PDB file of N, CA and C in Angstrom:
ATOM      1  N   UNK A   1      53.385 159.643 102.589  1.00  0.00           N
ATOM      2  CA  UNK A   1      53.638 160.275 102.067  1.00  0.00           C
ATOM      3  C   UNK A   1      54.131 159.484 100.242  1.00  0.00           C
ATOM      4  N   UNK A   2      53.798 158.842 100.257  1.00  0.00           N
ATOM      5  CA  UNK A   2      54.317 158.193  99.115  1.00  0.00           C
ATOM      6  C   UNK A   2      53.386 158.291  98.038  1.00  0.00           C
ATOM      7  N   UNK A   3      51.723 158.280  98.901  1.00  0.00           N
ATOM      8  CA  UNK A   3      50.645 158.641  97.802  1.00  0.00           C
ATOM      9  C   UNK A   3      50.944 160.327  97.338  1.00  0.00           C
ATOM     10  N   UNK A   4      51.317 161.122  98.327  1.00  0.00           N
ATOM     11  CA  UNK A   4      51.513 162.532  97.472  1.00  0.00           C
ATOM     12  C   UNK A   4      52.482 162.254  96.296  1.00  0.00           C
ATOM     13  N   UNK A   5      53.632 161.756  96.644  1.00  0.00           N
ATOM     14  CA  UNK A   5      55.050 161.481  95.901  1.00  0.00           C
ATOM     15  C   UNK A   5      54.046 161.031  94.321  1.00  0.00           C
ATOM     16  N   UNK A   6      53.609 159.288  94.183  1.00  0.00           N
ATOM     17  CA  UNK A   6      53.286 159.047  93.680  1.00  0.00           C
ATOM     18  C   UNK A   6      52.483 160.259  92.770  1.00  0.00           C
ATOM     19  N   UNK A   7      51.738 160.600  93.052  1.00  0.00           N
ATOM     20  CA  UNK A   7      50.502 162.390  92.609  1.00  0.00           C
ATOM     21  C   UNK A   7      50.596 162.761  92.071  1.00  0.00           C
ATOM     22  N   UNK A   8      52.165 163.594  92.624  1.00  0.00           N
ATOM     23  CA  UNK A   8      52.824 164.101  92.273  1.00  0.00           C
ATOM     24  C   UNK A   8      53.625 164.072  91.249  1.00  0.00           C
ATOM     25  N   UNK A   9      54.104 162.620  90.588  1.00  0.00           N
ATOM     26  CA  UNK A   9      55.037 162.926  89.613  1.00  0.00           C
ATOM     27  C   UNK A   9      53.840 162.536  88.404  1.00  0.00           C
ATOM     28  N   UNK A  10      52.999 162.001  88.780  1.00  0.00           N
ATOM     29  CA  UNK A  10      52.345 161.756  87.441  1.00  0.00           C
ATOM     30  C   UNK A  10      51.503 162.909  87.046  1.00  0.00           C
ATOM     31  N   UNK A  11      51.717 163.999  88.138  1.00  0.00           N
ATOM     32  CA  UNK A  11      50.972 165.062  87.111  1.00  0.00           C
ATOM     33  C   UNK A  11      52.204 166.005  86.750  1.00  0.00           C
ATOM     34  N   UNK A  12      53.274 166.389  87.333  1.00  0.00           N
ATOM     35  CA  UNK A  12      54.755 166.498  86.649  1.00  0.00           C
ATOM     36  C   UNK A  12      55.142 166.319  85.428  1.00  0.00           C
ATOM     37  N   UNK A  13      54.522 164.983  84.974  1.00  0.00           N
ATOM     38  CA  UNK A  13      55.134 164.598  83.667  1.00  0.00           C
ATOM     39  C   UNK A  13      54.108 164.787  83.532  1.00  0.00           C
ATOM     40  N   UNK A  14      52.994 164.436  83.403  1.00  0.00           N
ATOM     41  CA  UNK A  14      51.924 165.262  82.202  1.00  0.00           C
ATOM     42  C   UNK A  14      51.703 166.416  81.736  1.00  0.00           C
ATOM     43  N   UNK A  15      52.537 167.558  82.873  1.00  0.00           N
ATOM     44  CA  UNK A  15      52.611 169.228  82.476  1.00  0.00           C
ATOM     45  C   UNK A  15      54.134 169.168  81.395  1.00  0.00           C
ATOM     46  N   UNK A  16      54.486 168.151  81.869  1.00  0.00           N
ATOM     47  CA  UNK A  16      56.085 168.645  80.950  1.00  0.00           C
ATOM     48  C   UNK A  16      55.673 167.819  79.538  1.00  0.00           C
ATOM     49  N   UNK A  17      54.908 166.896  79.116  1.00  0.00           N
ATOM     50  CA  UNK A  17      54.504 166.344  78.286  1.00  0.00           C
ATOM     51  C   UNK A  17      53.501 167.840  77.376  1.00  0.00           C
ATOM     52  N   UNK A  18      52.709 168.204  78.017  1.00  0.00           N
ATOM     53  CA  UNK A  18      52.296 169.522  77.829  1.00  0.00           C
ATOM     54  C   UNK A  18      52.911 170.080  77.542  1.00  0.00           C
ATOM     55  N   UNK A  19      53.638 170.916  77.807  1.00  0.00           N
ATOM     56  CA  UNK A  19      55.003 171.771  77.765  1.00  0.00           C
ATOM     57  C   UNK A  19      56.167 171.127  76.373  1.00  0.00           C
ATOM     58  N   UNK A  20      56.209 170.204  76.316  1.00  0.00           N
ATOM     59  CA  UNK A  20      56.330 169.386  75.207  1.00  0.00           C
ATOM     60  C   UNK A  20      56.326 169.514  73.982  1.00  0.00           C
ATOM     61  N   UNK A  21      55.243 169.369  73.918  1.00  0.00           N
ATOM     62  CA  UNK A  21      53.811 169.214  73.343  1.00  0.00           C
ATOM     63  C   UNK A  21      53.405 170.738  72.689  1.00  0.00           C
ATOM     64  N   UNK A  22      53.954 171.560  73.346  1.00  0.00           N
ATOM     65  CA  UNK A  22      53.216 173.183  73.258  1.00  0.00           C
ATOM     66  C   UNK A  22      54.651 173.877  72.175  1.00  0.00           C
ATOM     67  N   UNK A  23      56.022 173.145  71.781  1.00  0.00           N
ATOM     68  CA  UNK A  23      57.618 173.559  71.386  1.00  0.00           C
ATOM     69  C   UNK A  23      56.849 173.167  69.711  1.00  0.00           C
ATOM     70  N   UNK A  24      57.222 174.449  69.300  1.00  0.00           N
ATOM     71  CA  UNK A  24      56.984 174.105  67.397  1.00  0.00           C
ATOM     72  C   UNK A  24      58.500 173.346  67.192  1.00  0.00           C
ATOM     73  N   UNK A  25      59.281 172.517  67.591  1.00  0.00           N
ATOM     74  CA  UNK A  25      59.826 171.631  67.076  1.00  0.00           C
ATOM     75  C   UNK A  25      60.661 171.379  68.743  1.00  0.00           C
ATOM     76  N   UNK A  26      61.241 170.313  68.257  1.00  0.00           N
ATOM     77  CA  UNK A  26      61.422 169.276  69.528  1.00  0.00           C
ATOM     78  C   UNK A  26      63.132 169.396  69.097  1.00  0.00           C
ATOM     79  N   UNK A  27      64.120 169.554  70.373  1.00  0.00           N
ATOM     80  CA  UNK A  27      65.836 169.364  70.004  1.00  0.00           C
ATOM     81  C   UNK A  27      66.139 168.162  69.375  1.00  0.00           C
ATOM     82  N   UNK A  28      65.180 167.066  68.855  1.00  0.00           N
ATOM     83  CA  UNK A  28      65.556 165.578  68.821  1.00  0.00           C
ATOM     84  C   UNK A  28      66.572 165.335  67.549  1.00  0.00           C
ATOM     85  N   UNK A  29      67.215 164.690  66.996  1.00  0.00           N
ATOM     86  CA  UNK A  29      67.758 164.733  66.104  1.00  0.00           C
ATOM     87  C   UNK A  29      66.966 163.284  65.513  1.00  0.00           C
ATOM     88  N   UNK A  30      66.826 163.215  64.053  1.00  0.00           N
ATOM     89  CA  UNK A  30      66.032 162.309  63.401  1.00  0.00           C
ATOM     90  C   UNK A  30      66.692 161.229  62.692  1.00  0.00           C
ATOM     91  N   UNK A  31      66.807 159.937  63.198  1.00  0.00           N
ATOM     92  CA  UNK A  31      68.153 159.378  62.961  1.00  0.00           C
ATOM     93  C   UNK A  31      67.486 158.092  62.215  1.00  0.00           C
ATOM     94  N   UNK A  32      65.909 157.900  62.482  1.00  0.00           N
ATOM     95  CA  UNK A  32      65.566 156.776  61.665  1.00  0.00           C
ATOM     96  C   UNK A  32      64.360 157.067  61.587  1.00  0.00           C
ATOM     97  N   UNK A  33      63.248 156.450  60.813  1.00  0.00           N
ATOM     98  CA  UNK A  33      61.957 156.774  60.208  1.00  0.00           C
ATOM     99  C   UNK A  33      60.704 156.879  61.157  1.00  0.00           C
ATOM    100  N   UNK A  34      61.010 155.704  61.933  1.00  0.00           N
ATOM    101  CA  UNK A  34      60.423 155.881  62.935  1.00  0.00           C
ATOM    102  C   UNK A  34      60.750 155.959  64.121  1.00  0.00           C
ATOM    103  N   UNK A  35      61.343 156.953  64.531  1.00  0.00           N
ATOM    104  CA  UNK A  35      61.846 156.984  65.826  1.00  0.00           C
ATOM    105  C   UNK A  35      60.520 157.934  66.486  1.00  0.00           C
ATOM    106  N   UNK A  36      60.234 158.950  66.036  1.00  0.00           N
ATOM    107  CA  UNK A  36      58.902 159.623  66.853  1.00  0.00           C
ATOM    108  C   UNK A  36      58.315 158.398  67.255  1.00  0.00           C
ATOM    109  N   UNK A  37      57.839 157.740  66.848  1.00  0.00           N
ATOM    110  CA  UNK A  37      56.986 156.306  67.514  1.00  0.00           C
ATOM    111  C   UNK A  37      57.401 155.993  68.310  1.00  0.00           C
ATOM    112  N   UNK A  38      58.773 155.212  68.551  1.00  0.00           N
ATOM    113  CA  UNK A  38      59.608 155.122  69.688  1.00  0.00           C
ATOM    114  C   UNK A  38      59.824 155.564  70.571  1.00  0.00           C
ATOM    115  N   UNK A  39      59.555 157.148  70.573  1.00  0.00           N
ATOM    116  CA  UNK A  39      59.099 158.075  71.679  1.00  0.00           C
ATOM    117  C   UNK A  39      58.057 158.401  72.656  1.00  0.00           C
ATOM    118  N   UNK A  40      57.207 158.495  71.374  1.00  0.00           N
ATOM    119  CA  UNK A  40      55.924 158.417  72.147  1.00  0.00           C
ATOM    120  C   UNK A  40      55.959 157.082  72.771  1.00  0.00           C
ATOM    121  N   UNK A  41      56.413 156.047  72.615  1.00  0.00           N
ATOM    122  CA  UNK A  41      55.505 154.984  73.318  1.00  0.00           C
ATOM    123  C   UNK A  41      56.581 154.463  74.637  1.00  0.00           C
ATOM    124  N   UNK A  42      57.721 155.134  74.613  1.00  0.00           N
ATOM    125  CA  UNK A  42      58.540 155.153  75.258  1.00  0.00           C
ATOM    126  C   UNK A  42      57.698 156.178  76.680  1.00  0.00           C
ATOM    127  N   UNK A  43      57.486 157.356  76.323  1.00  0.00           N
ATOM    128  CA  UNK A  43      57.425 158.714  76.618  1.00  0.00           C
ATOM    129  C   UNK A  43      55.725 157.626  77.323  1.00  0.00           C
ATOM    130  N   UNK A  44      54.949 157.506  76.965  1.00  0.00           N
ATOM    131  CA  UNK A  44      53.704 156.745  77.696  1.00  0.00           C
ATOM    132  C   UNK A  44      53.723 155.877  78.349  1.00  0.00           C
ATOM    133  N   UNK A  45      54.958 155.334  78.166  1.00  0.00           N
ATOM    134  CA  UNK A  45      55.264 153.763  78.664  1.00  0.00           C
ATOM    135  C   UNK A  45      55.914 154.074  80.125  1.00  0.00           C
ATOM    136  N   UNK A  46      56.575 155.186  80.357  1.00  0.00           N
ATOM    137  CA  UNK A  46      57.152 156.316  81.858  1.00  0.00           C
ATOM    138  C   UNK A  46      55.482 157.101  82.500  1.00  0.00           C
ATOM    139  N   UNK A  47      54.507 157.907  81.351  1.00  0.00           N
ATOM    140  CA  UNK A  47      53.493 157.710  81.740  1.00  0.00           C
ATOM    141  C   UNK A  47      52.644 157.165  82.402  1.00  0.00           C
ATOM    142  N   UNK A  48      52.430 155.718  81.992  1.00  0.00           N
ATOM    143  CA  UNK A  48      51.851 154.462  82.191  1.00  0.00           C
ATOM    144  C   UNK A  48      52.432 153.741  83.935  1.00  0.00           C
ATOM    145  N   UNK A  49      53.579 154.186  83.962  1.00  0.00           N
ATOM    146  CA  UNK A  49      54.159 153.411  84.944  1.00  0.00           C
ATOM    147  C   UNK A  49      53.586 154.344  86.086  1.00  0.00           C
ATOM    148  N   UNK A  50      53.776 155.955  85.823  1.00  0.00           N
ATOM    149  CA  UNK A  50      53.379 156.450  86.484  1.00  0.00           C
ATOM    150  C   UNK A  50      52.169 157.054  87.412  1.00  0.00           C
ATOM    151  N   UNK A  51      50.893 156.439  86.213  1.00  0.00           N
ATOM    152  CA  UNK A  51      49.796 156.131  86.211  1.00  0.00           C
ATOM    153  C   UNK A  51      49.071 155.152  87.331  1.00  0.00           C
ATOM    154  N   UNK A  52      49.978 154.271  87.106  1.00  0.00           N
ATOM    155  CA  UNK A  52      49.563 152.872  87.805  1.00  0.00           C
ATOM    156  C   UNK A  52      49.828 152.919  89.055  1.00  0.00           C
ATOM    157  N   UNK A  53      51.564 153.878  89.484  1.00  0.00           N
ATOM    158  CA  UNK A  53      51.510 154.080  91.218  1.00  0.00           C
ATOM    159  C   UNK A  53      50.757 155.413  91.674  1.00  0.00           C
ATOM    160  N   UNK A  54      49.771 155.779  90.820  1.00  0.00           N
ATOM    161  CA  UNK A  54      48.884 156.647  91.515  1.00  0.00           C
ATOM    162  C   UNK A  54      47.388 156.069  91.662  1.00  0.00           C
ATOM    163  N   UNK A  55      47.614 155.783  90.956  1.00  0.00           N
ATOM    164  CA  UNK A  55      46.063 154.946  90.727  1.00  0.00           C
ATOM    165  C   UNK A  55      46.092 154.153  91.682  1.00  0.00           C
ATOM    166  N   UNK A  56      47.212 153.142  91.500  1.00  0.00           N
ATOM    167  CA  UNK A  56      47.159 152.113  93.441  1.00  0.00           C
ATOM    168  C   UNK A  56      46.749 152.671  94.358  1.00  0.00           C
ATOM    169  N   UNK A  57      46.817 153.812  94.973  1.00  0.00           N
ATOM    170  CA  UNK A  57      46.188 154.630  95.950  1.00  0.00           C
ATOM    171  C   UNK A  57      44.753 154.526  95.802  1.00  0.00           C
ATOM    172  N   UNK A  58      44.382 154.619  94.980  1.00  0.00           N
ATOM    173  CA  UNK A  58      42.447 154.894  95.125  1.00  0.00           C
ATOM    174  C   UNK A  58      41.791 152.926  95.336  1.00  0.00           C
ATOM    175  N   UNK A  59      42.664 151.681  95.687  1.00  0.00           N
ATOM    176  CA  UNK A  59      41.835 151.002  95.641  1.00  0.00           C
ATOM    177  C   UNK A  59      41.577 149.513  94.916  1.00  0.00           C
ATOM    178  N   UNK A  60      41.717 150.658  93.522  1.00  0.00           N
ATOM    179  CA  UNK A  60      40.936 149.680  92.695  1.00  0.00           C
ATOM    180  C   UNK A  60      41.393 148.308  92.606  1.00  0.00           C
ATOM    181  N   UNK A  61      40.787 147.544  91.883  1.00  0.00           N
ATOM    182  CA  UNK A  61      41.316 145.518  92.132  1.00  0.00           C
ATOM    183  C   UNK A  61      41.972 146.064  90.543  1.00  0.00           C
ATOM    184  N   UNK A  62      43.181 144.776  90.800  1.00  0.00           N
ATOM    185  CA  UNK A  62      44.265 144.686  89.889  1.00  0.00           C
ATOM    186  C   UNK A  62      43.926 144.387  88.314  1.00  0.00           C
ATOM    187  N   UNK A  63      42.761 144.268  87.829  1.00  0.00           N
ATOM    188  CA  UNK A  63      41.970 144.611  86.605  1.00  0.00           C
ATOM    189  C   UNK A  63      41.310 145.824  86.279  1.00  0.00           C
ATOM    190  N   UNK A  64      41.017 146.251  87.080  1.00  0.00           N
ATOM    191  CA  UNK A  64      40.290 147.791  87.235  1.00  0.00           C
ATOM    192  C   UNK A  64      41.599 148.912  87.011  1.00  0.00           C
ATOM    193  N   UNK A  65      42.868 148.603  87.434  1.00  0.00           N
ATOM    194  CA  UNK A  65      43.583 149.874  87.499  1.00  0.00           C
ATOM    195  C   UNK A  65      44.478 149.296  86.981  1.00  0.00           C
ATOM    196  N   UNK A  66      44.619 148.474  86.189  1.00  0.00           N
ATOM    197  CA  UNK A  66      45.344 148.595  84.257  1.00  0.00           C
ATOM    198  C   UNK A  66      44.075 148.594  83.349  1.00  0.00           C
ATOM    199  N   UNK A  67      42.995 148.655  83.549  1.00  0.00           N
ATOM    200  CA  UNK A  67      41.895 149.492  82.186  1.00  0.00           C
ATOM    201  C   UNK A  67      42.148 151.037  83.079  1.00  0.00           C
ATOM    202  N   UNK A  68      42.077 151.632  83.759  1.00  0.00           N
ATOM    203  CA  UNK A  68      41.933 152.565  84.373  1.00  0.00           C
ATOM    204  C   UNK A  68      43.564 153.643  84.137  1.00  0.00           C
ATOM    205  N   UNK A  69      44.225 153.104  83.926  1.00  0.00           N
ATOM    206  CA  UNK A  69      45.692 153.303  83.675  1.00  0.00           C
ATOM    207  C   UNK A  69      45.761 153.573  82.127  1.00  0.00           C
ATOM    208  N   UNK A  70      45.518 152.132  81.422  1.00  0.00           N
ATOM    209  CA  UNK A  70      45.497 152.580  80.011  1.00  0.00           C
ATOM    210  C   UNK A  70      44.281 153.423  79.618  1.00  0.00           C
ATOM    211  N   UNK A  71      43.162 153.414  80.125  1.00  0.00           N
ATOM    212  CA  UNK A  71      42.181 154.485  79.882  1.00  0.00           C
ATOM    213  C   UNK A  71      42.655 155.577  79.889  1.00  0.00           C
ATOM    214  N   UNK A  72      43.268 156.390  81.053  1.00  0.00           N
ATOM    215  CA  UNK A  72      43.439 157.927  81.835  1.00  0.00           C
ATOM    216  C   UNK A  72      45.061 158.188  80.510  1.00  0.00           C
ATOM    217  N   UNK A  73      45.805 156.673  80.219  1.00  0.00           N
ATOM    218  CA  UNK A  73      47.249 157.128  78.990  1.00  0.00           C
ATOM    219  C   UNK A  73      46.641 157.568  77.590  1.00  0.00           C
ATOM    220  N   UNK A  74      45.814 156.926  77.801  1.00  0.00           N
ATOM    221  CA  UNK A  74      45.429 156.527  75.967  1.00  0.00           C
ATOM    222  C   UNK A  74      44.391 158.034  75.612  1.00  0.00           C
ATOM    223  N   UNK A  75      43.377 158.487  76.486  1.00  0.00           N
ATOM    224  CA  UNK A  75      42.327 159.824  76.724  1.00  0.00           C
ATOM    225  C   UNK A  75      44.023 160.859  76.541  1.00  0.00           C
ATOM    226  N   UNK A  76      44.598 160.667  77.497  1.00  0.00           N
ATOM    227  CA  UNK A  76      45.637 162.089  77.944  1.00  0.00           C
ATOM    228  C   UNK A  76      46.374 162.479  76.189  1.00  0.00           C
ATOM    229  N   UNK A  77      46.550 160.928  75.827  1.00  0.00           N
ATOM    230  CA  UNK A  77      47.604 161.070  74.670  1.00  0.00           C
ATOM    231  C   UNK A  77      46.816 161.364  73.638  1.00  0.00           C
ATOM    232  N   UNK A  78      45.481 161.075  73.406  1.00  0.00           N
ATOM    233  CA  UNK A  78      44.483 162.086  72.903  1.00  0.00           C
ATOM    234  C   UNK A  78      44.198 163.311  72.731  1.00  0.00           C
ATOM    235  N   UNK A  79      44.130 163.629  73.882  1.00  0.00           N
ATOM    236  CA  UNK A  79      43.717 165.252  74.044  1.00  0.00           C
ATOM    237  C   UNK A  79      45.517 165.591  74.079  1.00  0.00           C
ATOM    238  N   UNK A  80      46.729 165.270  73.575  1.00  0.00           N
ATOM    239  CA  UNK A  80      47.458 166.318  73.782  1.00  0.00           C
ATOM    240  C   UNK A  80      47.874 166.021  71.969  1.00  0.00           C
ATOM    241  N   UNK A  81      47.619 165.383  71.517  1.00  0.00           N
ATOM    242  CA  UNK A  81      47.235 165.171  70.097  1.00  0.00           C
ATOM    243  C   UNK A  81      46.299 166.087  69.763  1.00  0.00           C
ATOM    244  N   UNK A  82      45.567 166.708  70.047  1.00  0.00           N
ATOM    245  CA  UNK A  82      44.497 167.801  70.179  1.00  0.00           C
ATOM    246  C   UNK A  82      45.044 168.799  70.248  1.00  0.00           C
ATOM    247  N   UNK A  83      45.652 169.287  71.205  1.00  0.00           N
ATOM    248  CA  UNK A  83      46.702 170.152  71.793  1.00  0.00           C
ATOM    249  C   UNK A  83      47.508 170.532  70.588  1.00  0.00           C
ATOM    250  N   UNK A  84      48.101 169.713  69.875  1.00  0.00           N
ATOM    251  CA  UNK A  84      48.765 170.229  68.674  1.00  0.00           C
ATOM    252  C   UNK A  84      48.730 170.846  67.751  1.00  0.00           C
ATOM    253  N   UNK A  85      47.210 170.105  67.601  1.00  0.00           N
ATOM    254  CA  UNK A  85      46.600 170.531  66.516  1.00  0.00           C
ATOM    255  C   UNK A  85      46.589 172.574  66.117  1.00  0.00           C
ATOM    256  N   UNK A  86      47.109 172.852  67.612  1.00  0.00           N
ATOM    257  CA  UNK A  86      46.387 174.719  67.541  1.00  0.00           C
ATOM    258  C   UNK A  86      48.230 175.368  68.090  1.00  0.00           C
ATOM    259  N   UNK A  87      48.968 174.391  67.721  1.00  0.00           N
ATOM    260  CA  UNK A  87      50.269 175.000  67.758  1.00  0.00           C
ATOM    261  C   UNK A  87      51.219 174.407  66.575  1.00  0.00           C
ATOM    262  N   UNK A  88      51.633 176.232  66.418  1.00  0.00           N
ATOM    263  CA  UNK A  88      52.621 176.119  64.824  1.00  0.00           C
ATOM    264  C   UNK A  88      53.630 175.094  64.410  1.00  0.00           C
ATOM    265  N   UNK A  89      53.444 174.271  63.177  1.00  0.00           N
ATOM    266  CA  UNK A  89      54.559 173.606  63.026  1.00  0.00           C
ATOM    267  C   UNK A  89      54.518 172.138  63.502  1.00  0.00           C
ATOM    268  N   UNK A  90      53.157 171.757  64.318  1.00  0.00           N
ATOM    269  CA  UNK A  90      52.367 170.476  64.618  1.00  0.00           C
ATOM    270  C   UNK A  90      51.758 170.080  64.390  1.00  0.00           C
ATOM    271  N   UNK A  91      51.286 169.190  64.211  1.00  0.00           N
ATOM    272  CA  UNK A  91      50.102 168.059  63.567  1.00  0.00           C
ATOM    273  C   UNK A  91      49.809 167.036  64.385  1.00  0.00           C
ATOM    274  N   UNK A  92      48.372 166.630  64.598  1.00  0.00           N
ATOM    275  CA  UNK A  92      48.321 165.624  65.554  1.00  0.00           C
ATOM    276  C   UNK A  92      48.262 164.697  64.531  1.00  0.00           C
ATOM    277  N   UNK A  93      48.292 163.446  64.815  1.00  0.00           N
ATOM    278  CA  UNK A  93      48.123 162.427  64.712  1.00  0.00           C
ATOM    279  C   UNK A  93      47.801 161.127  65.379  1.00  0.00           C
ATOM    280  N   UNK A  94      46.657 160.022  64.569  1.00  0.00           N
ATOM    281  CA  UNK A  94      46.542 158.759  65.093  1.00  0.00           C
ATOM    282  C   UNK A  94      47.580 157.925  65.398  1.00  0.00           C
ATOM    283  N   UNK A  95      48.609 157.805  64.720  1.00  0.00           N
ATOM    284  CA  UNK A  95      49.702 157.134  64.714  1.00  0.00           C
ATOM    285  C   UNK A  95      50.481 156.974  65.942  1.00  0.00           C
ATOM    286  N   UNK A  96      50.596 158.499  66.730  1.00  0.00           N
ATOM    287  CA  UNK A  96      51.484 159.046  67.826  1.00  0.00           C
ATOM    288  C   UNK A  96      50.939 158.716  68.710  1.00  0.00           C
ATOM    289  N   UNK A  97      49.118 159.007  68.402  1.00  0.00           N
ATOM    290  CA  UNK A  97      47.885 158.477  70.100  1.00  0.00           C
ATOM    291  C   UNK A  97      48.301 156.842  69.978  1.00  0.00           C
ATOM    292  N   UNK A  98      47.850 156.262  68.342  1.00  0.00           N
ATOM    293  CA  UNK A  98      48.566 154.559  68.582  1.00  0.00           C
ATOM    294  C   UNK A  98      49.717 154.225  69.806  1.00  0.00           C
ATOM    295  N   UNK A  99      50.872 154.700  69.085  1.00  0.00           N
ATOM    296  CA  UNK A  99      52.051 154.719  69.894  1.00  0.00           C
ATOM    297  C   UNK A  99      51.695 155.092  71.963  1.00  0.00           C
ATOM    298  N   UNK A 100      50.741 156.017  71.617  1.00  0.00           N
ATOM    299  CA  UNK A 100      50.778 156.633  73.210  1.00  0.00           C
ATOM    300  C   UNK A 100      50.314 155.328  73.981  1.00  0.00           C
ATOM    301  N   UNK A 101      49.112 155.014  73.287  1.00  0.00           N
ATOM    302  CA  UNK A 101      48.798 153.925  74.182  1.00  0.00           C
ATOM    303  C   UNK A 101      48.996 152.348  73.776  1.00  0.00           C
ATOM    304  N   UNK A 102      49.910 151.859  72.829  1.00  0.00           N
ATOM    305  CA  UNK A 102      50.779 150.837  72.733  1.00  0.00           C
ATOM    306  C   UNK A 102      51.772 151.338  74.000  1.00  0.00           C
ATOM    307  N   UNK A 103      52.103 152.103  74.301  1.00  0.00           N
ATOM    308  CA  UNK A 103      53.478 152.473  75.372  1.00  0.00           C
ATOM    309  C   UNK A 103      52.471 152.074  77.007  1.00  0.00           C
ATOM    310  N   UNK A 104      51.256 152.754  77.276  1.00  0.00           N
ATOM    311  CA  UNK A 104      50.468 152.484  78.198  1.00  0.00           C
ATOM    312  C   UNK A 104      50.296 150.967  78.909  1.00  0.00           C
ATOM    313  N   UNK A 105      49.849 150.157  77.231  1.00  0.00           N
ATOM    314  CA  UNK A 105      49.814 148.683  77.983  1.00  0.00           C
ATOM    315  C   UNK A 105      50.930 147.974  77.682  1.00  0.00           C
ATOM    316  N   UNK A 106      52.430 148.377  77.588  1.00  0.00           N
ATOM    317  CA  UNK A 106      53.798 147.827  77.533  1.00  0.00           C
ATOM    318  C   UNK A 106      53.693 147.752  79.639  1.00  0.00           C
ATOM    319  N   UNK A 107      53.389 149.285  79.446  1.00  0.00           N
ATOM    320  CA  UNK A 107      54.250 149.666  81.203  1.00  0.00           C
ATOM    321  C   UNK A 107      52.795 148.958  82.320  1.00  0.00           C
ATOM    322  N   UNK A 108      51.720 148.703  81.934  1.00  0.00           N
ATOM    323  CA  UNK A 108      50.589 147.850  82.459  1.00  0.00           C
ATOM    324  C   UNK A 108      51.169 146.624  82.448  1.00  0.00           C
ATOM    325  N   UNK A 109      51.460 145.752  81.603  1.00  0.00           N
ATOM    326  CA  UNK A 109      52.172 144.706  81.412  1.00  0.00           C
ATOM    327  C   UNK A 109      53.564 144.415  81.885  1.00  0.00           C
ATOM    328  N   UNK A 110      54.373 145.393  82.749  1.00  0.00           N
ATOM    329  CA  UNK A 110      54.969 145.195  82.880  1.00  0.00           C
ATOM    330  C   UNK A 110      54.785 145.398  84.191  1.00  0.00           C
ATOM    331  N   UNK A 111      54.665 146.550  84.816  1.00  0.00           N
ATOM    332  CA  UNK A 111      53.821 146.387  86.296  1.00  0.00           C
ATOM    333  C   UNK A 111      52.896 145.202  86.707  1.00  0.00           C
ATOM    334  N   UNK A 112      52.188 144.574  85.905  1.00  0.00           N
ATOM    335  CA  UNK A 112      51.358 143.029  86.593  1.00  0.00           C
ATOM    336  C   UNK A 112      52.600 142.179  86.532  1.00  0.00           C
ATOM    337  N   UNK A 113      53.858 142.380  85.943  1.00  0.00           N
ATOM    338  CA  UNK A 113      54.303 141.235  86.040  1.00  0.00           C
ATOM    339  C   UNK A 113      55.424 141.174  87.601  1.00  0.00           C
ATOM    340  N   UNK A 114      55.765 142.380  87.564  1.00  0.00           N
ATOM    341  CA  UNK A 114      56.708 143.562  88.191  1.00  0.00           C
ATOM    342  C   UNK A 114      55.572 143.233  89.513  1.00  0.00           C
ATOM    343  N   UNK A 115      54.603 143.223  89.936  1.00  0.00           N
ATOM    344  CA  UNK A 115      53.876 143.093  91.090  1.00  0.00           C
ATOM    345  C   UNK A 115      53.436 141.382  91.646  1.00  0.00           C
ATOM    346  N   UNK A 116      53.364 140.780  90.322  1.00  0.00           N
ATOM    347  CA  UNK A 116      53.128 139.086  90.510  1.00  0.00           C
ATOM    348  C   UNK A 116      54.527 138.338  90.974  1.00  0.00           C
ATOM    349  N   UNK A 117      56.093 138.889  90.578  1.00  0.00           N
ATOM    350  CA  UNK A 117      57.323 138.502  91.046  1.00  0.00           C
ATOM    351  C   UNK A 117      57.236 139.058  92.486  1.00  0.00           C
ATOM    352  N   UNK A 118      56.847 139.800  92.771  1.00  0.00           N
ATOM    353  CA  UNK A 118      57.082 140.525  94.245  1.00  0.00           C
ATOM    354  C   UNK A 118      56.084 139.249  95.415  1.00  0.00           C
ATOM    355  N   UNK A 119      54.834 138.729  94.644  1.00  0.00           N
ATOM    356  CA  UNK A 119      54.103 137.856  95.704  1.00  0.00           C
ATOM    357  C   UNK A 119      54.555 136.445  95.769  1.00  0.00           C
ATOM    358  N   UNK A 120      55.540 136.258  94.583  1.00  0.00           N
ATOM    359  CA  UNK A 120      56.411 135.358  94.974  1.00  0.00           C
ATOM    360  C   UNK A 120      57.144 134.836  95.881  1.00  0.00           C
TER     361      UNK A 120
END
């Protein structure tokens, strides 16, 4: 049952990000200059956690689990930026993609640390 929940959470979250990216504007007030990058990092941190939990059901080694999680999130972020190139009012950004990838890396580091602390 956990496997179904983990995969459903990942697929649902990816769908949410796709839907948000299809909007011309997002109802978030701009408070500071790089707020957008923090939001990308946070969103892909969450995706990284969901990805880690889903991919751990594939019996990958820890090092491979980390790589697959980061690659999945980074490639999804890249495809999301491409998707935005077709949405009126939106534009793709390599910096946004980098923030997405950083968020995934932070999630993987956190999940690895959490896993190690549970083993002690």
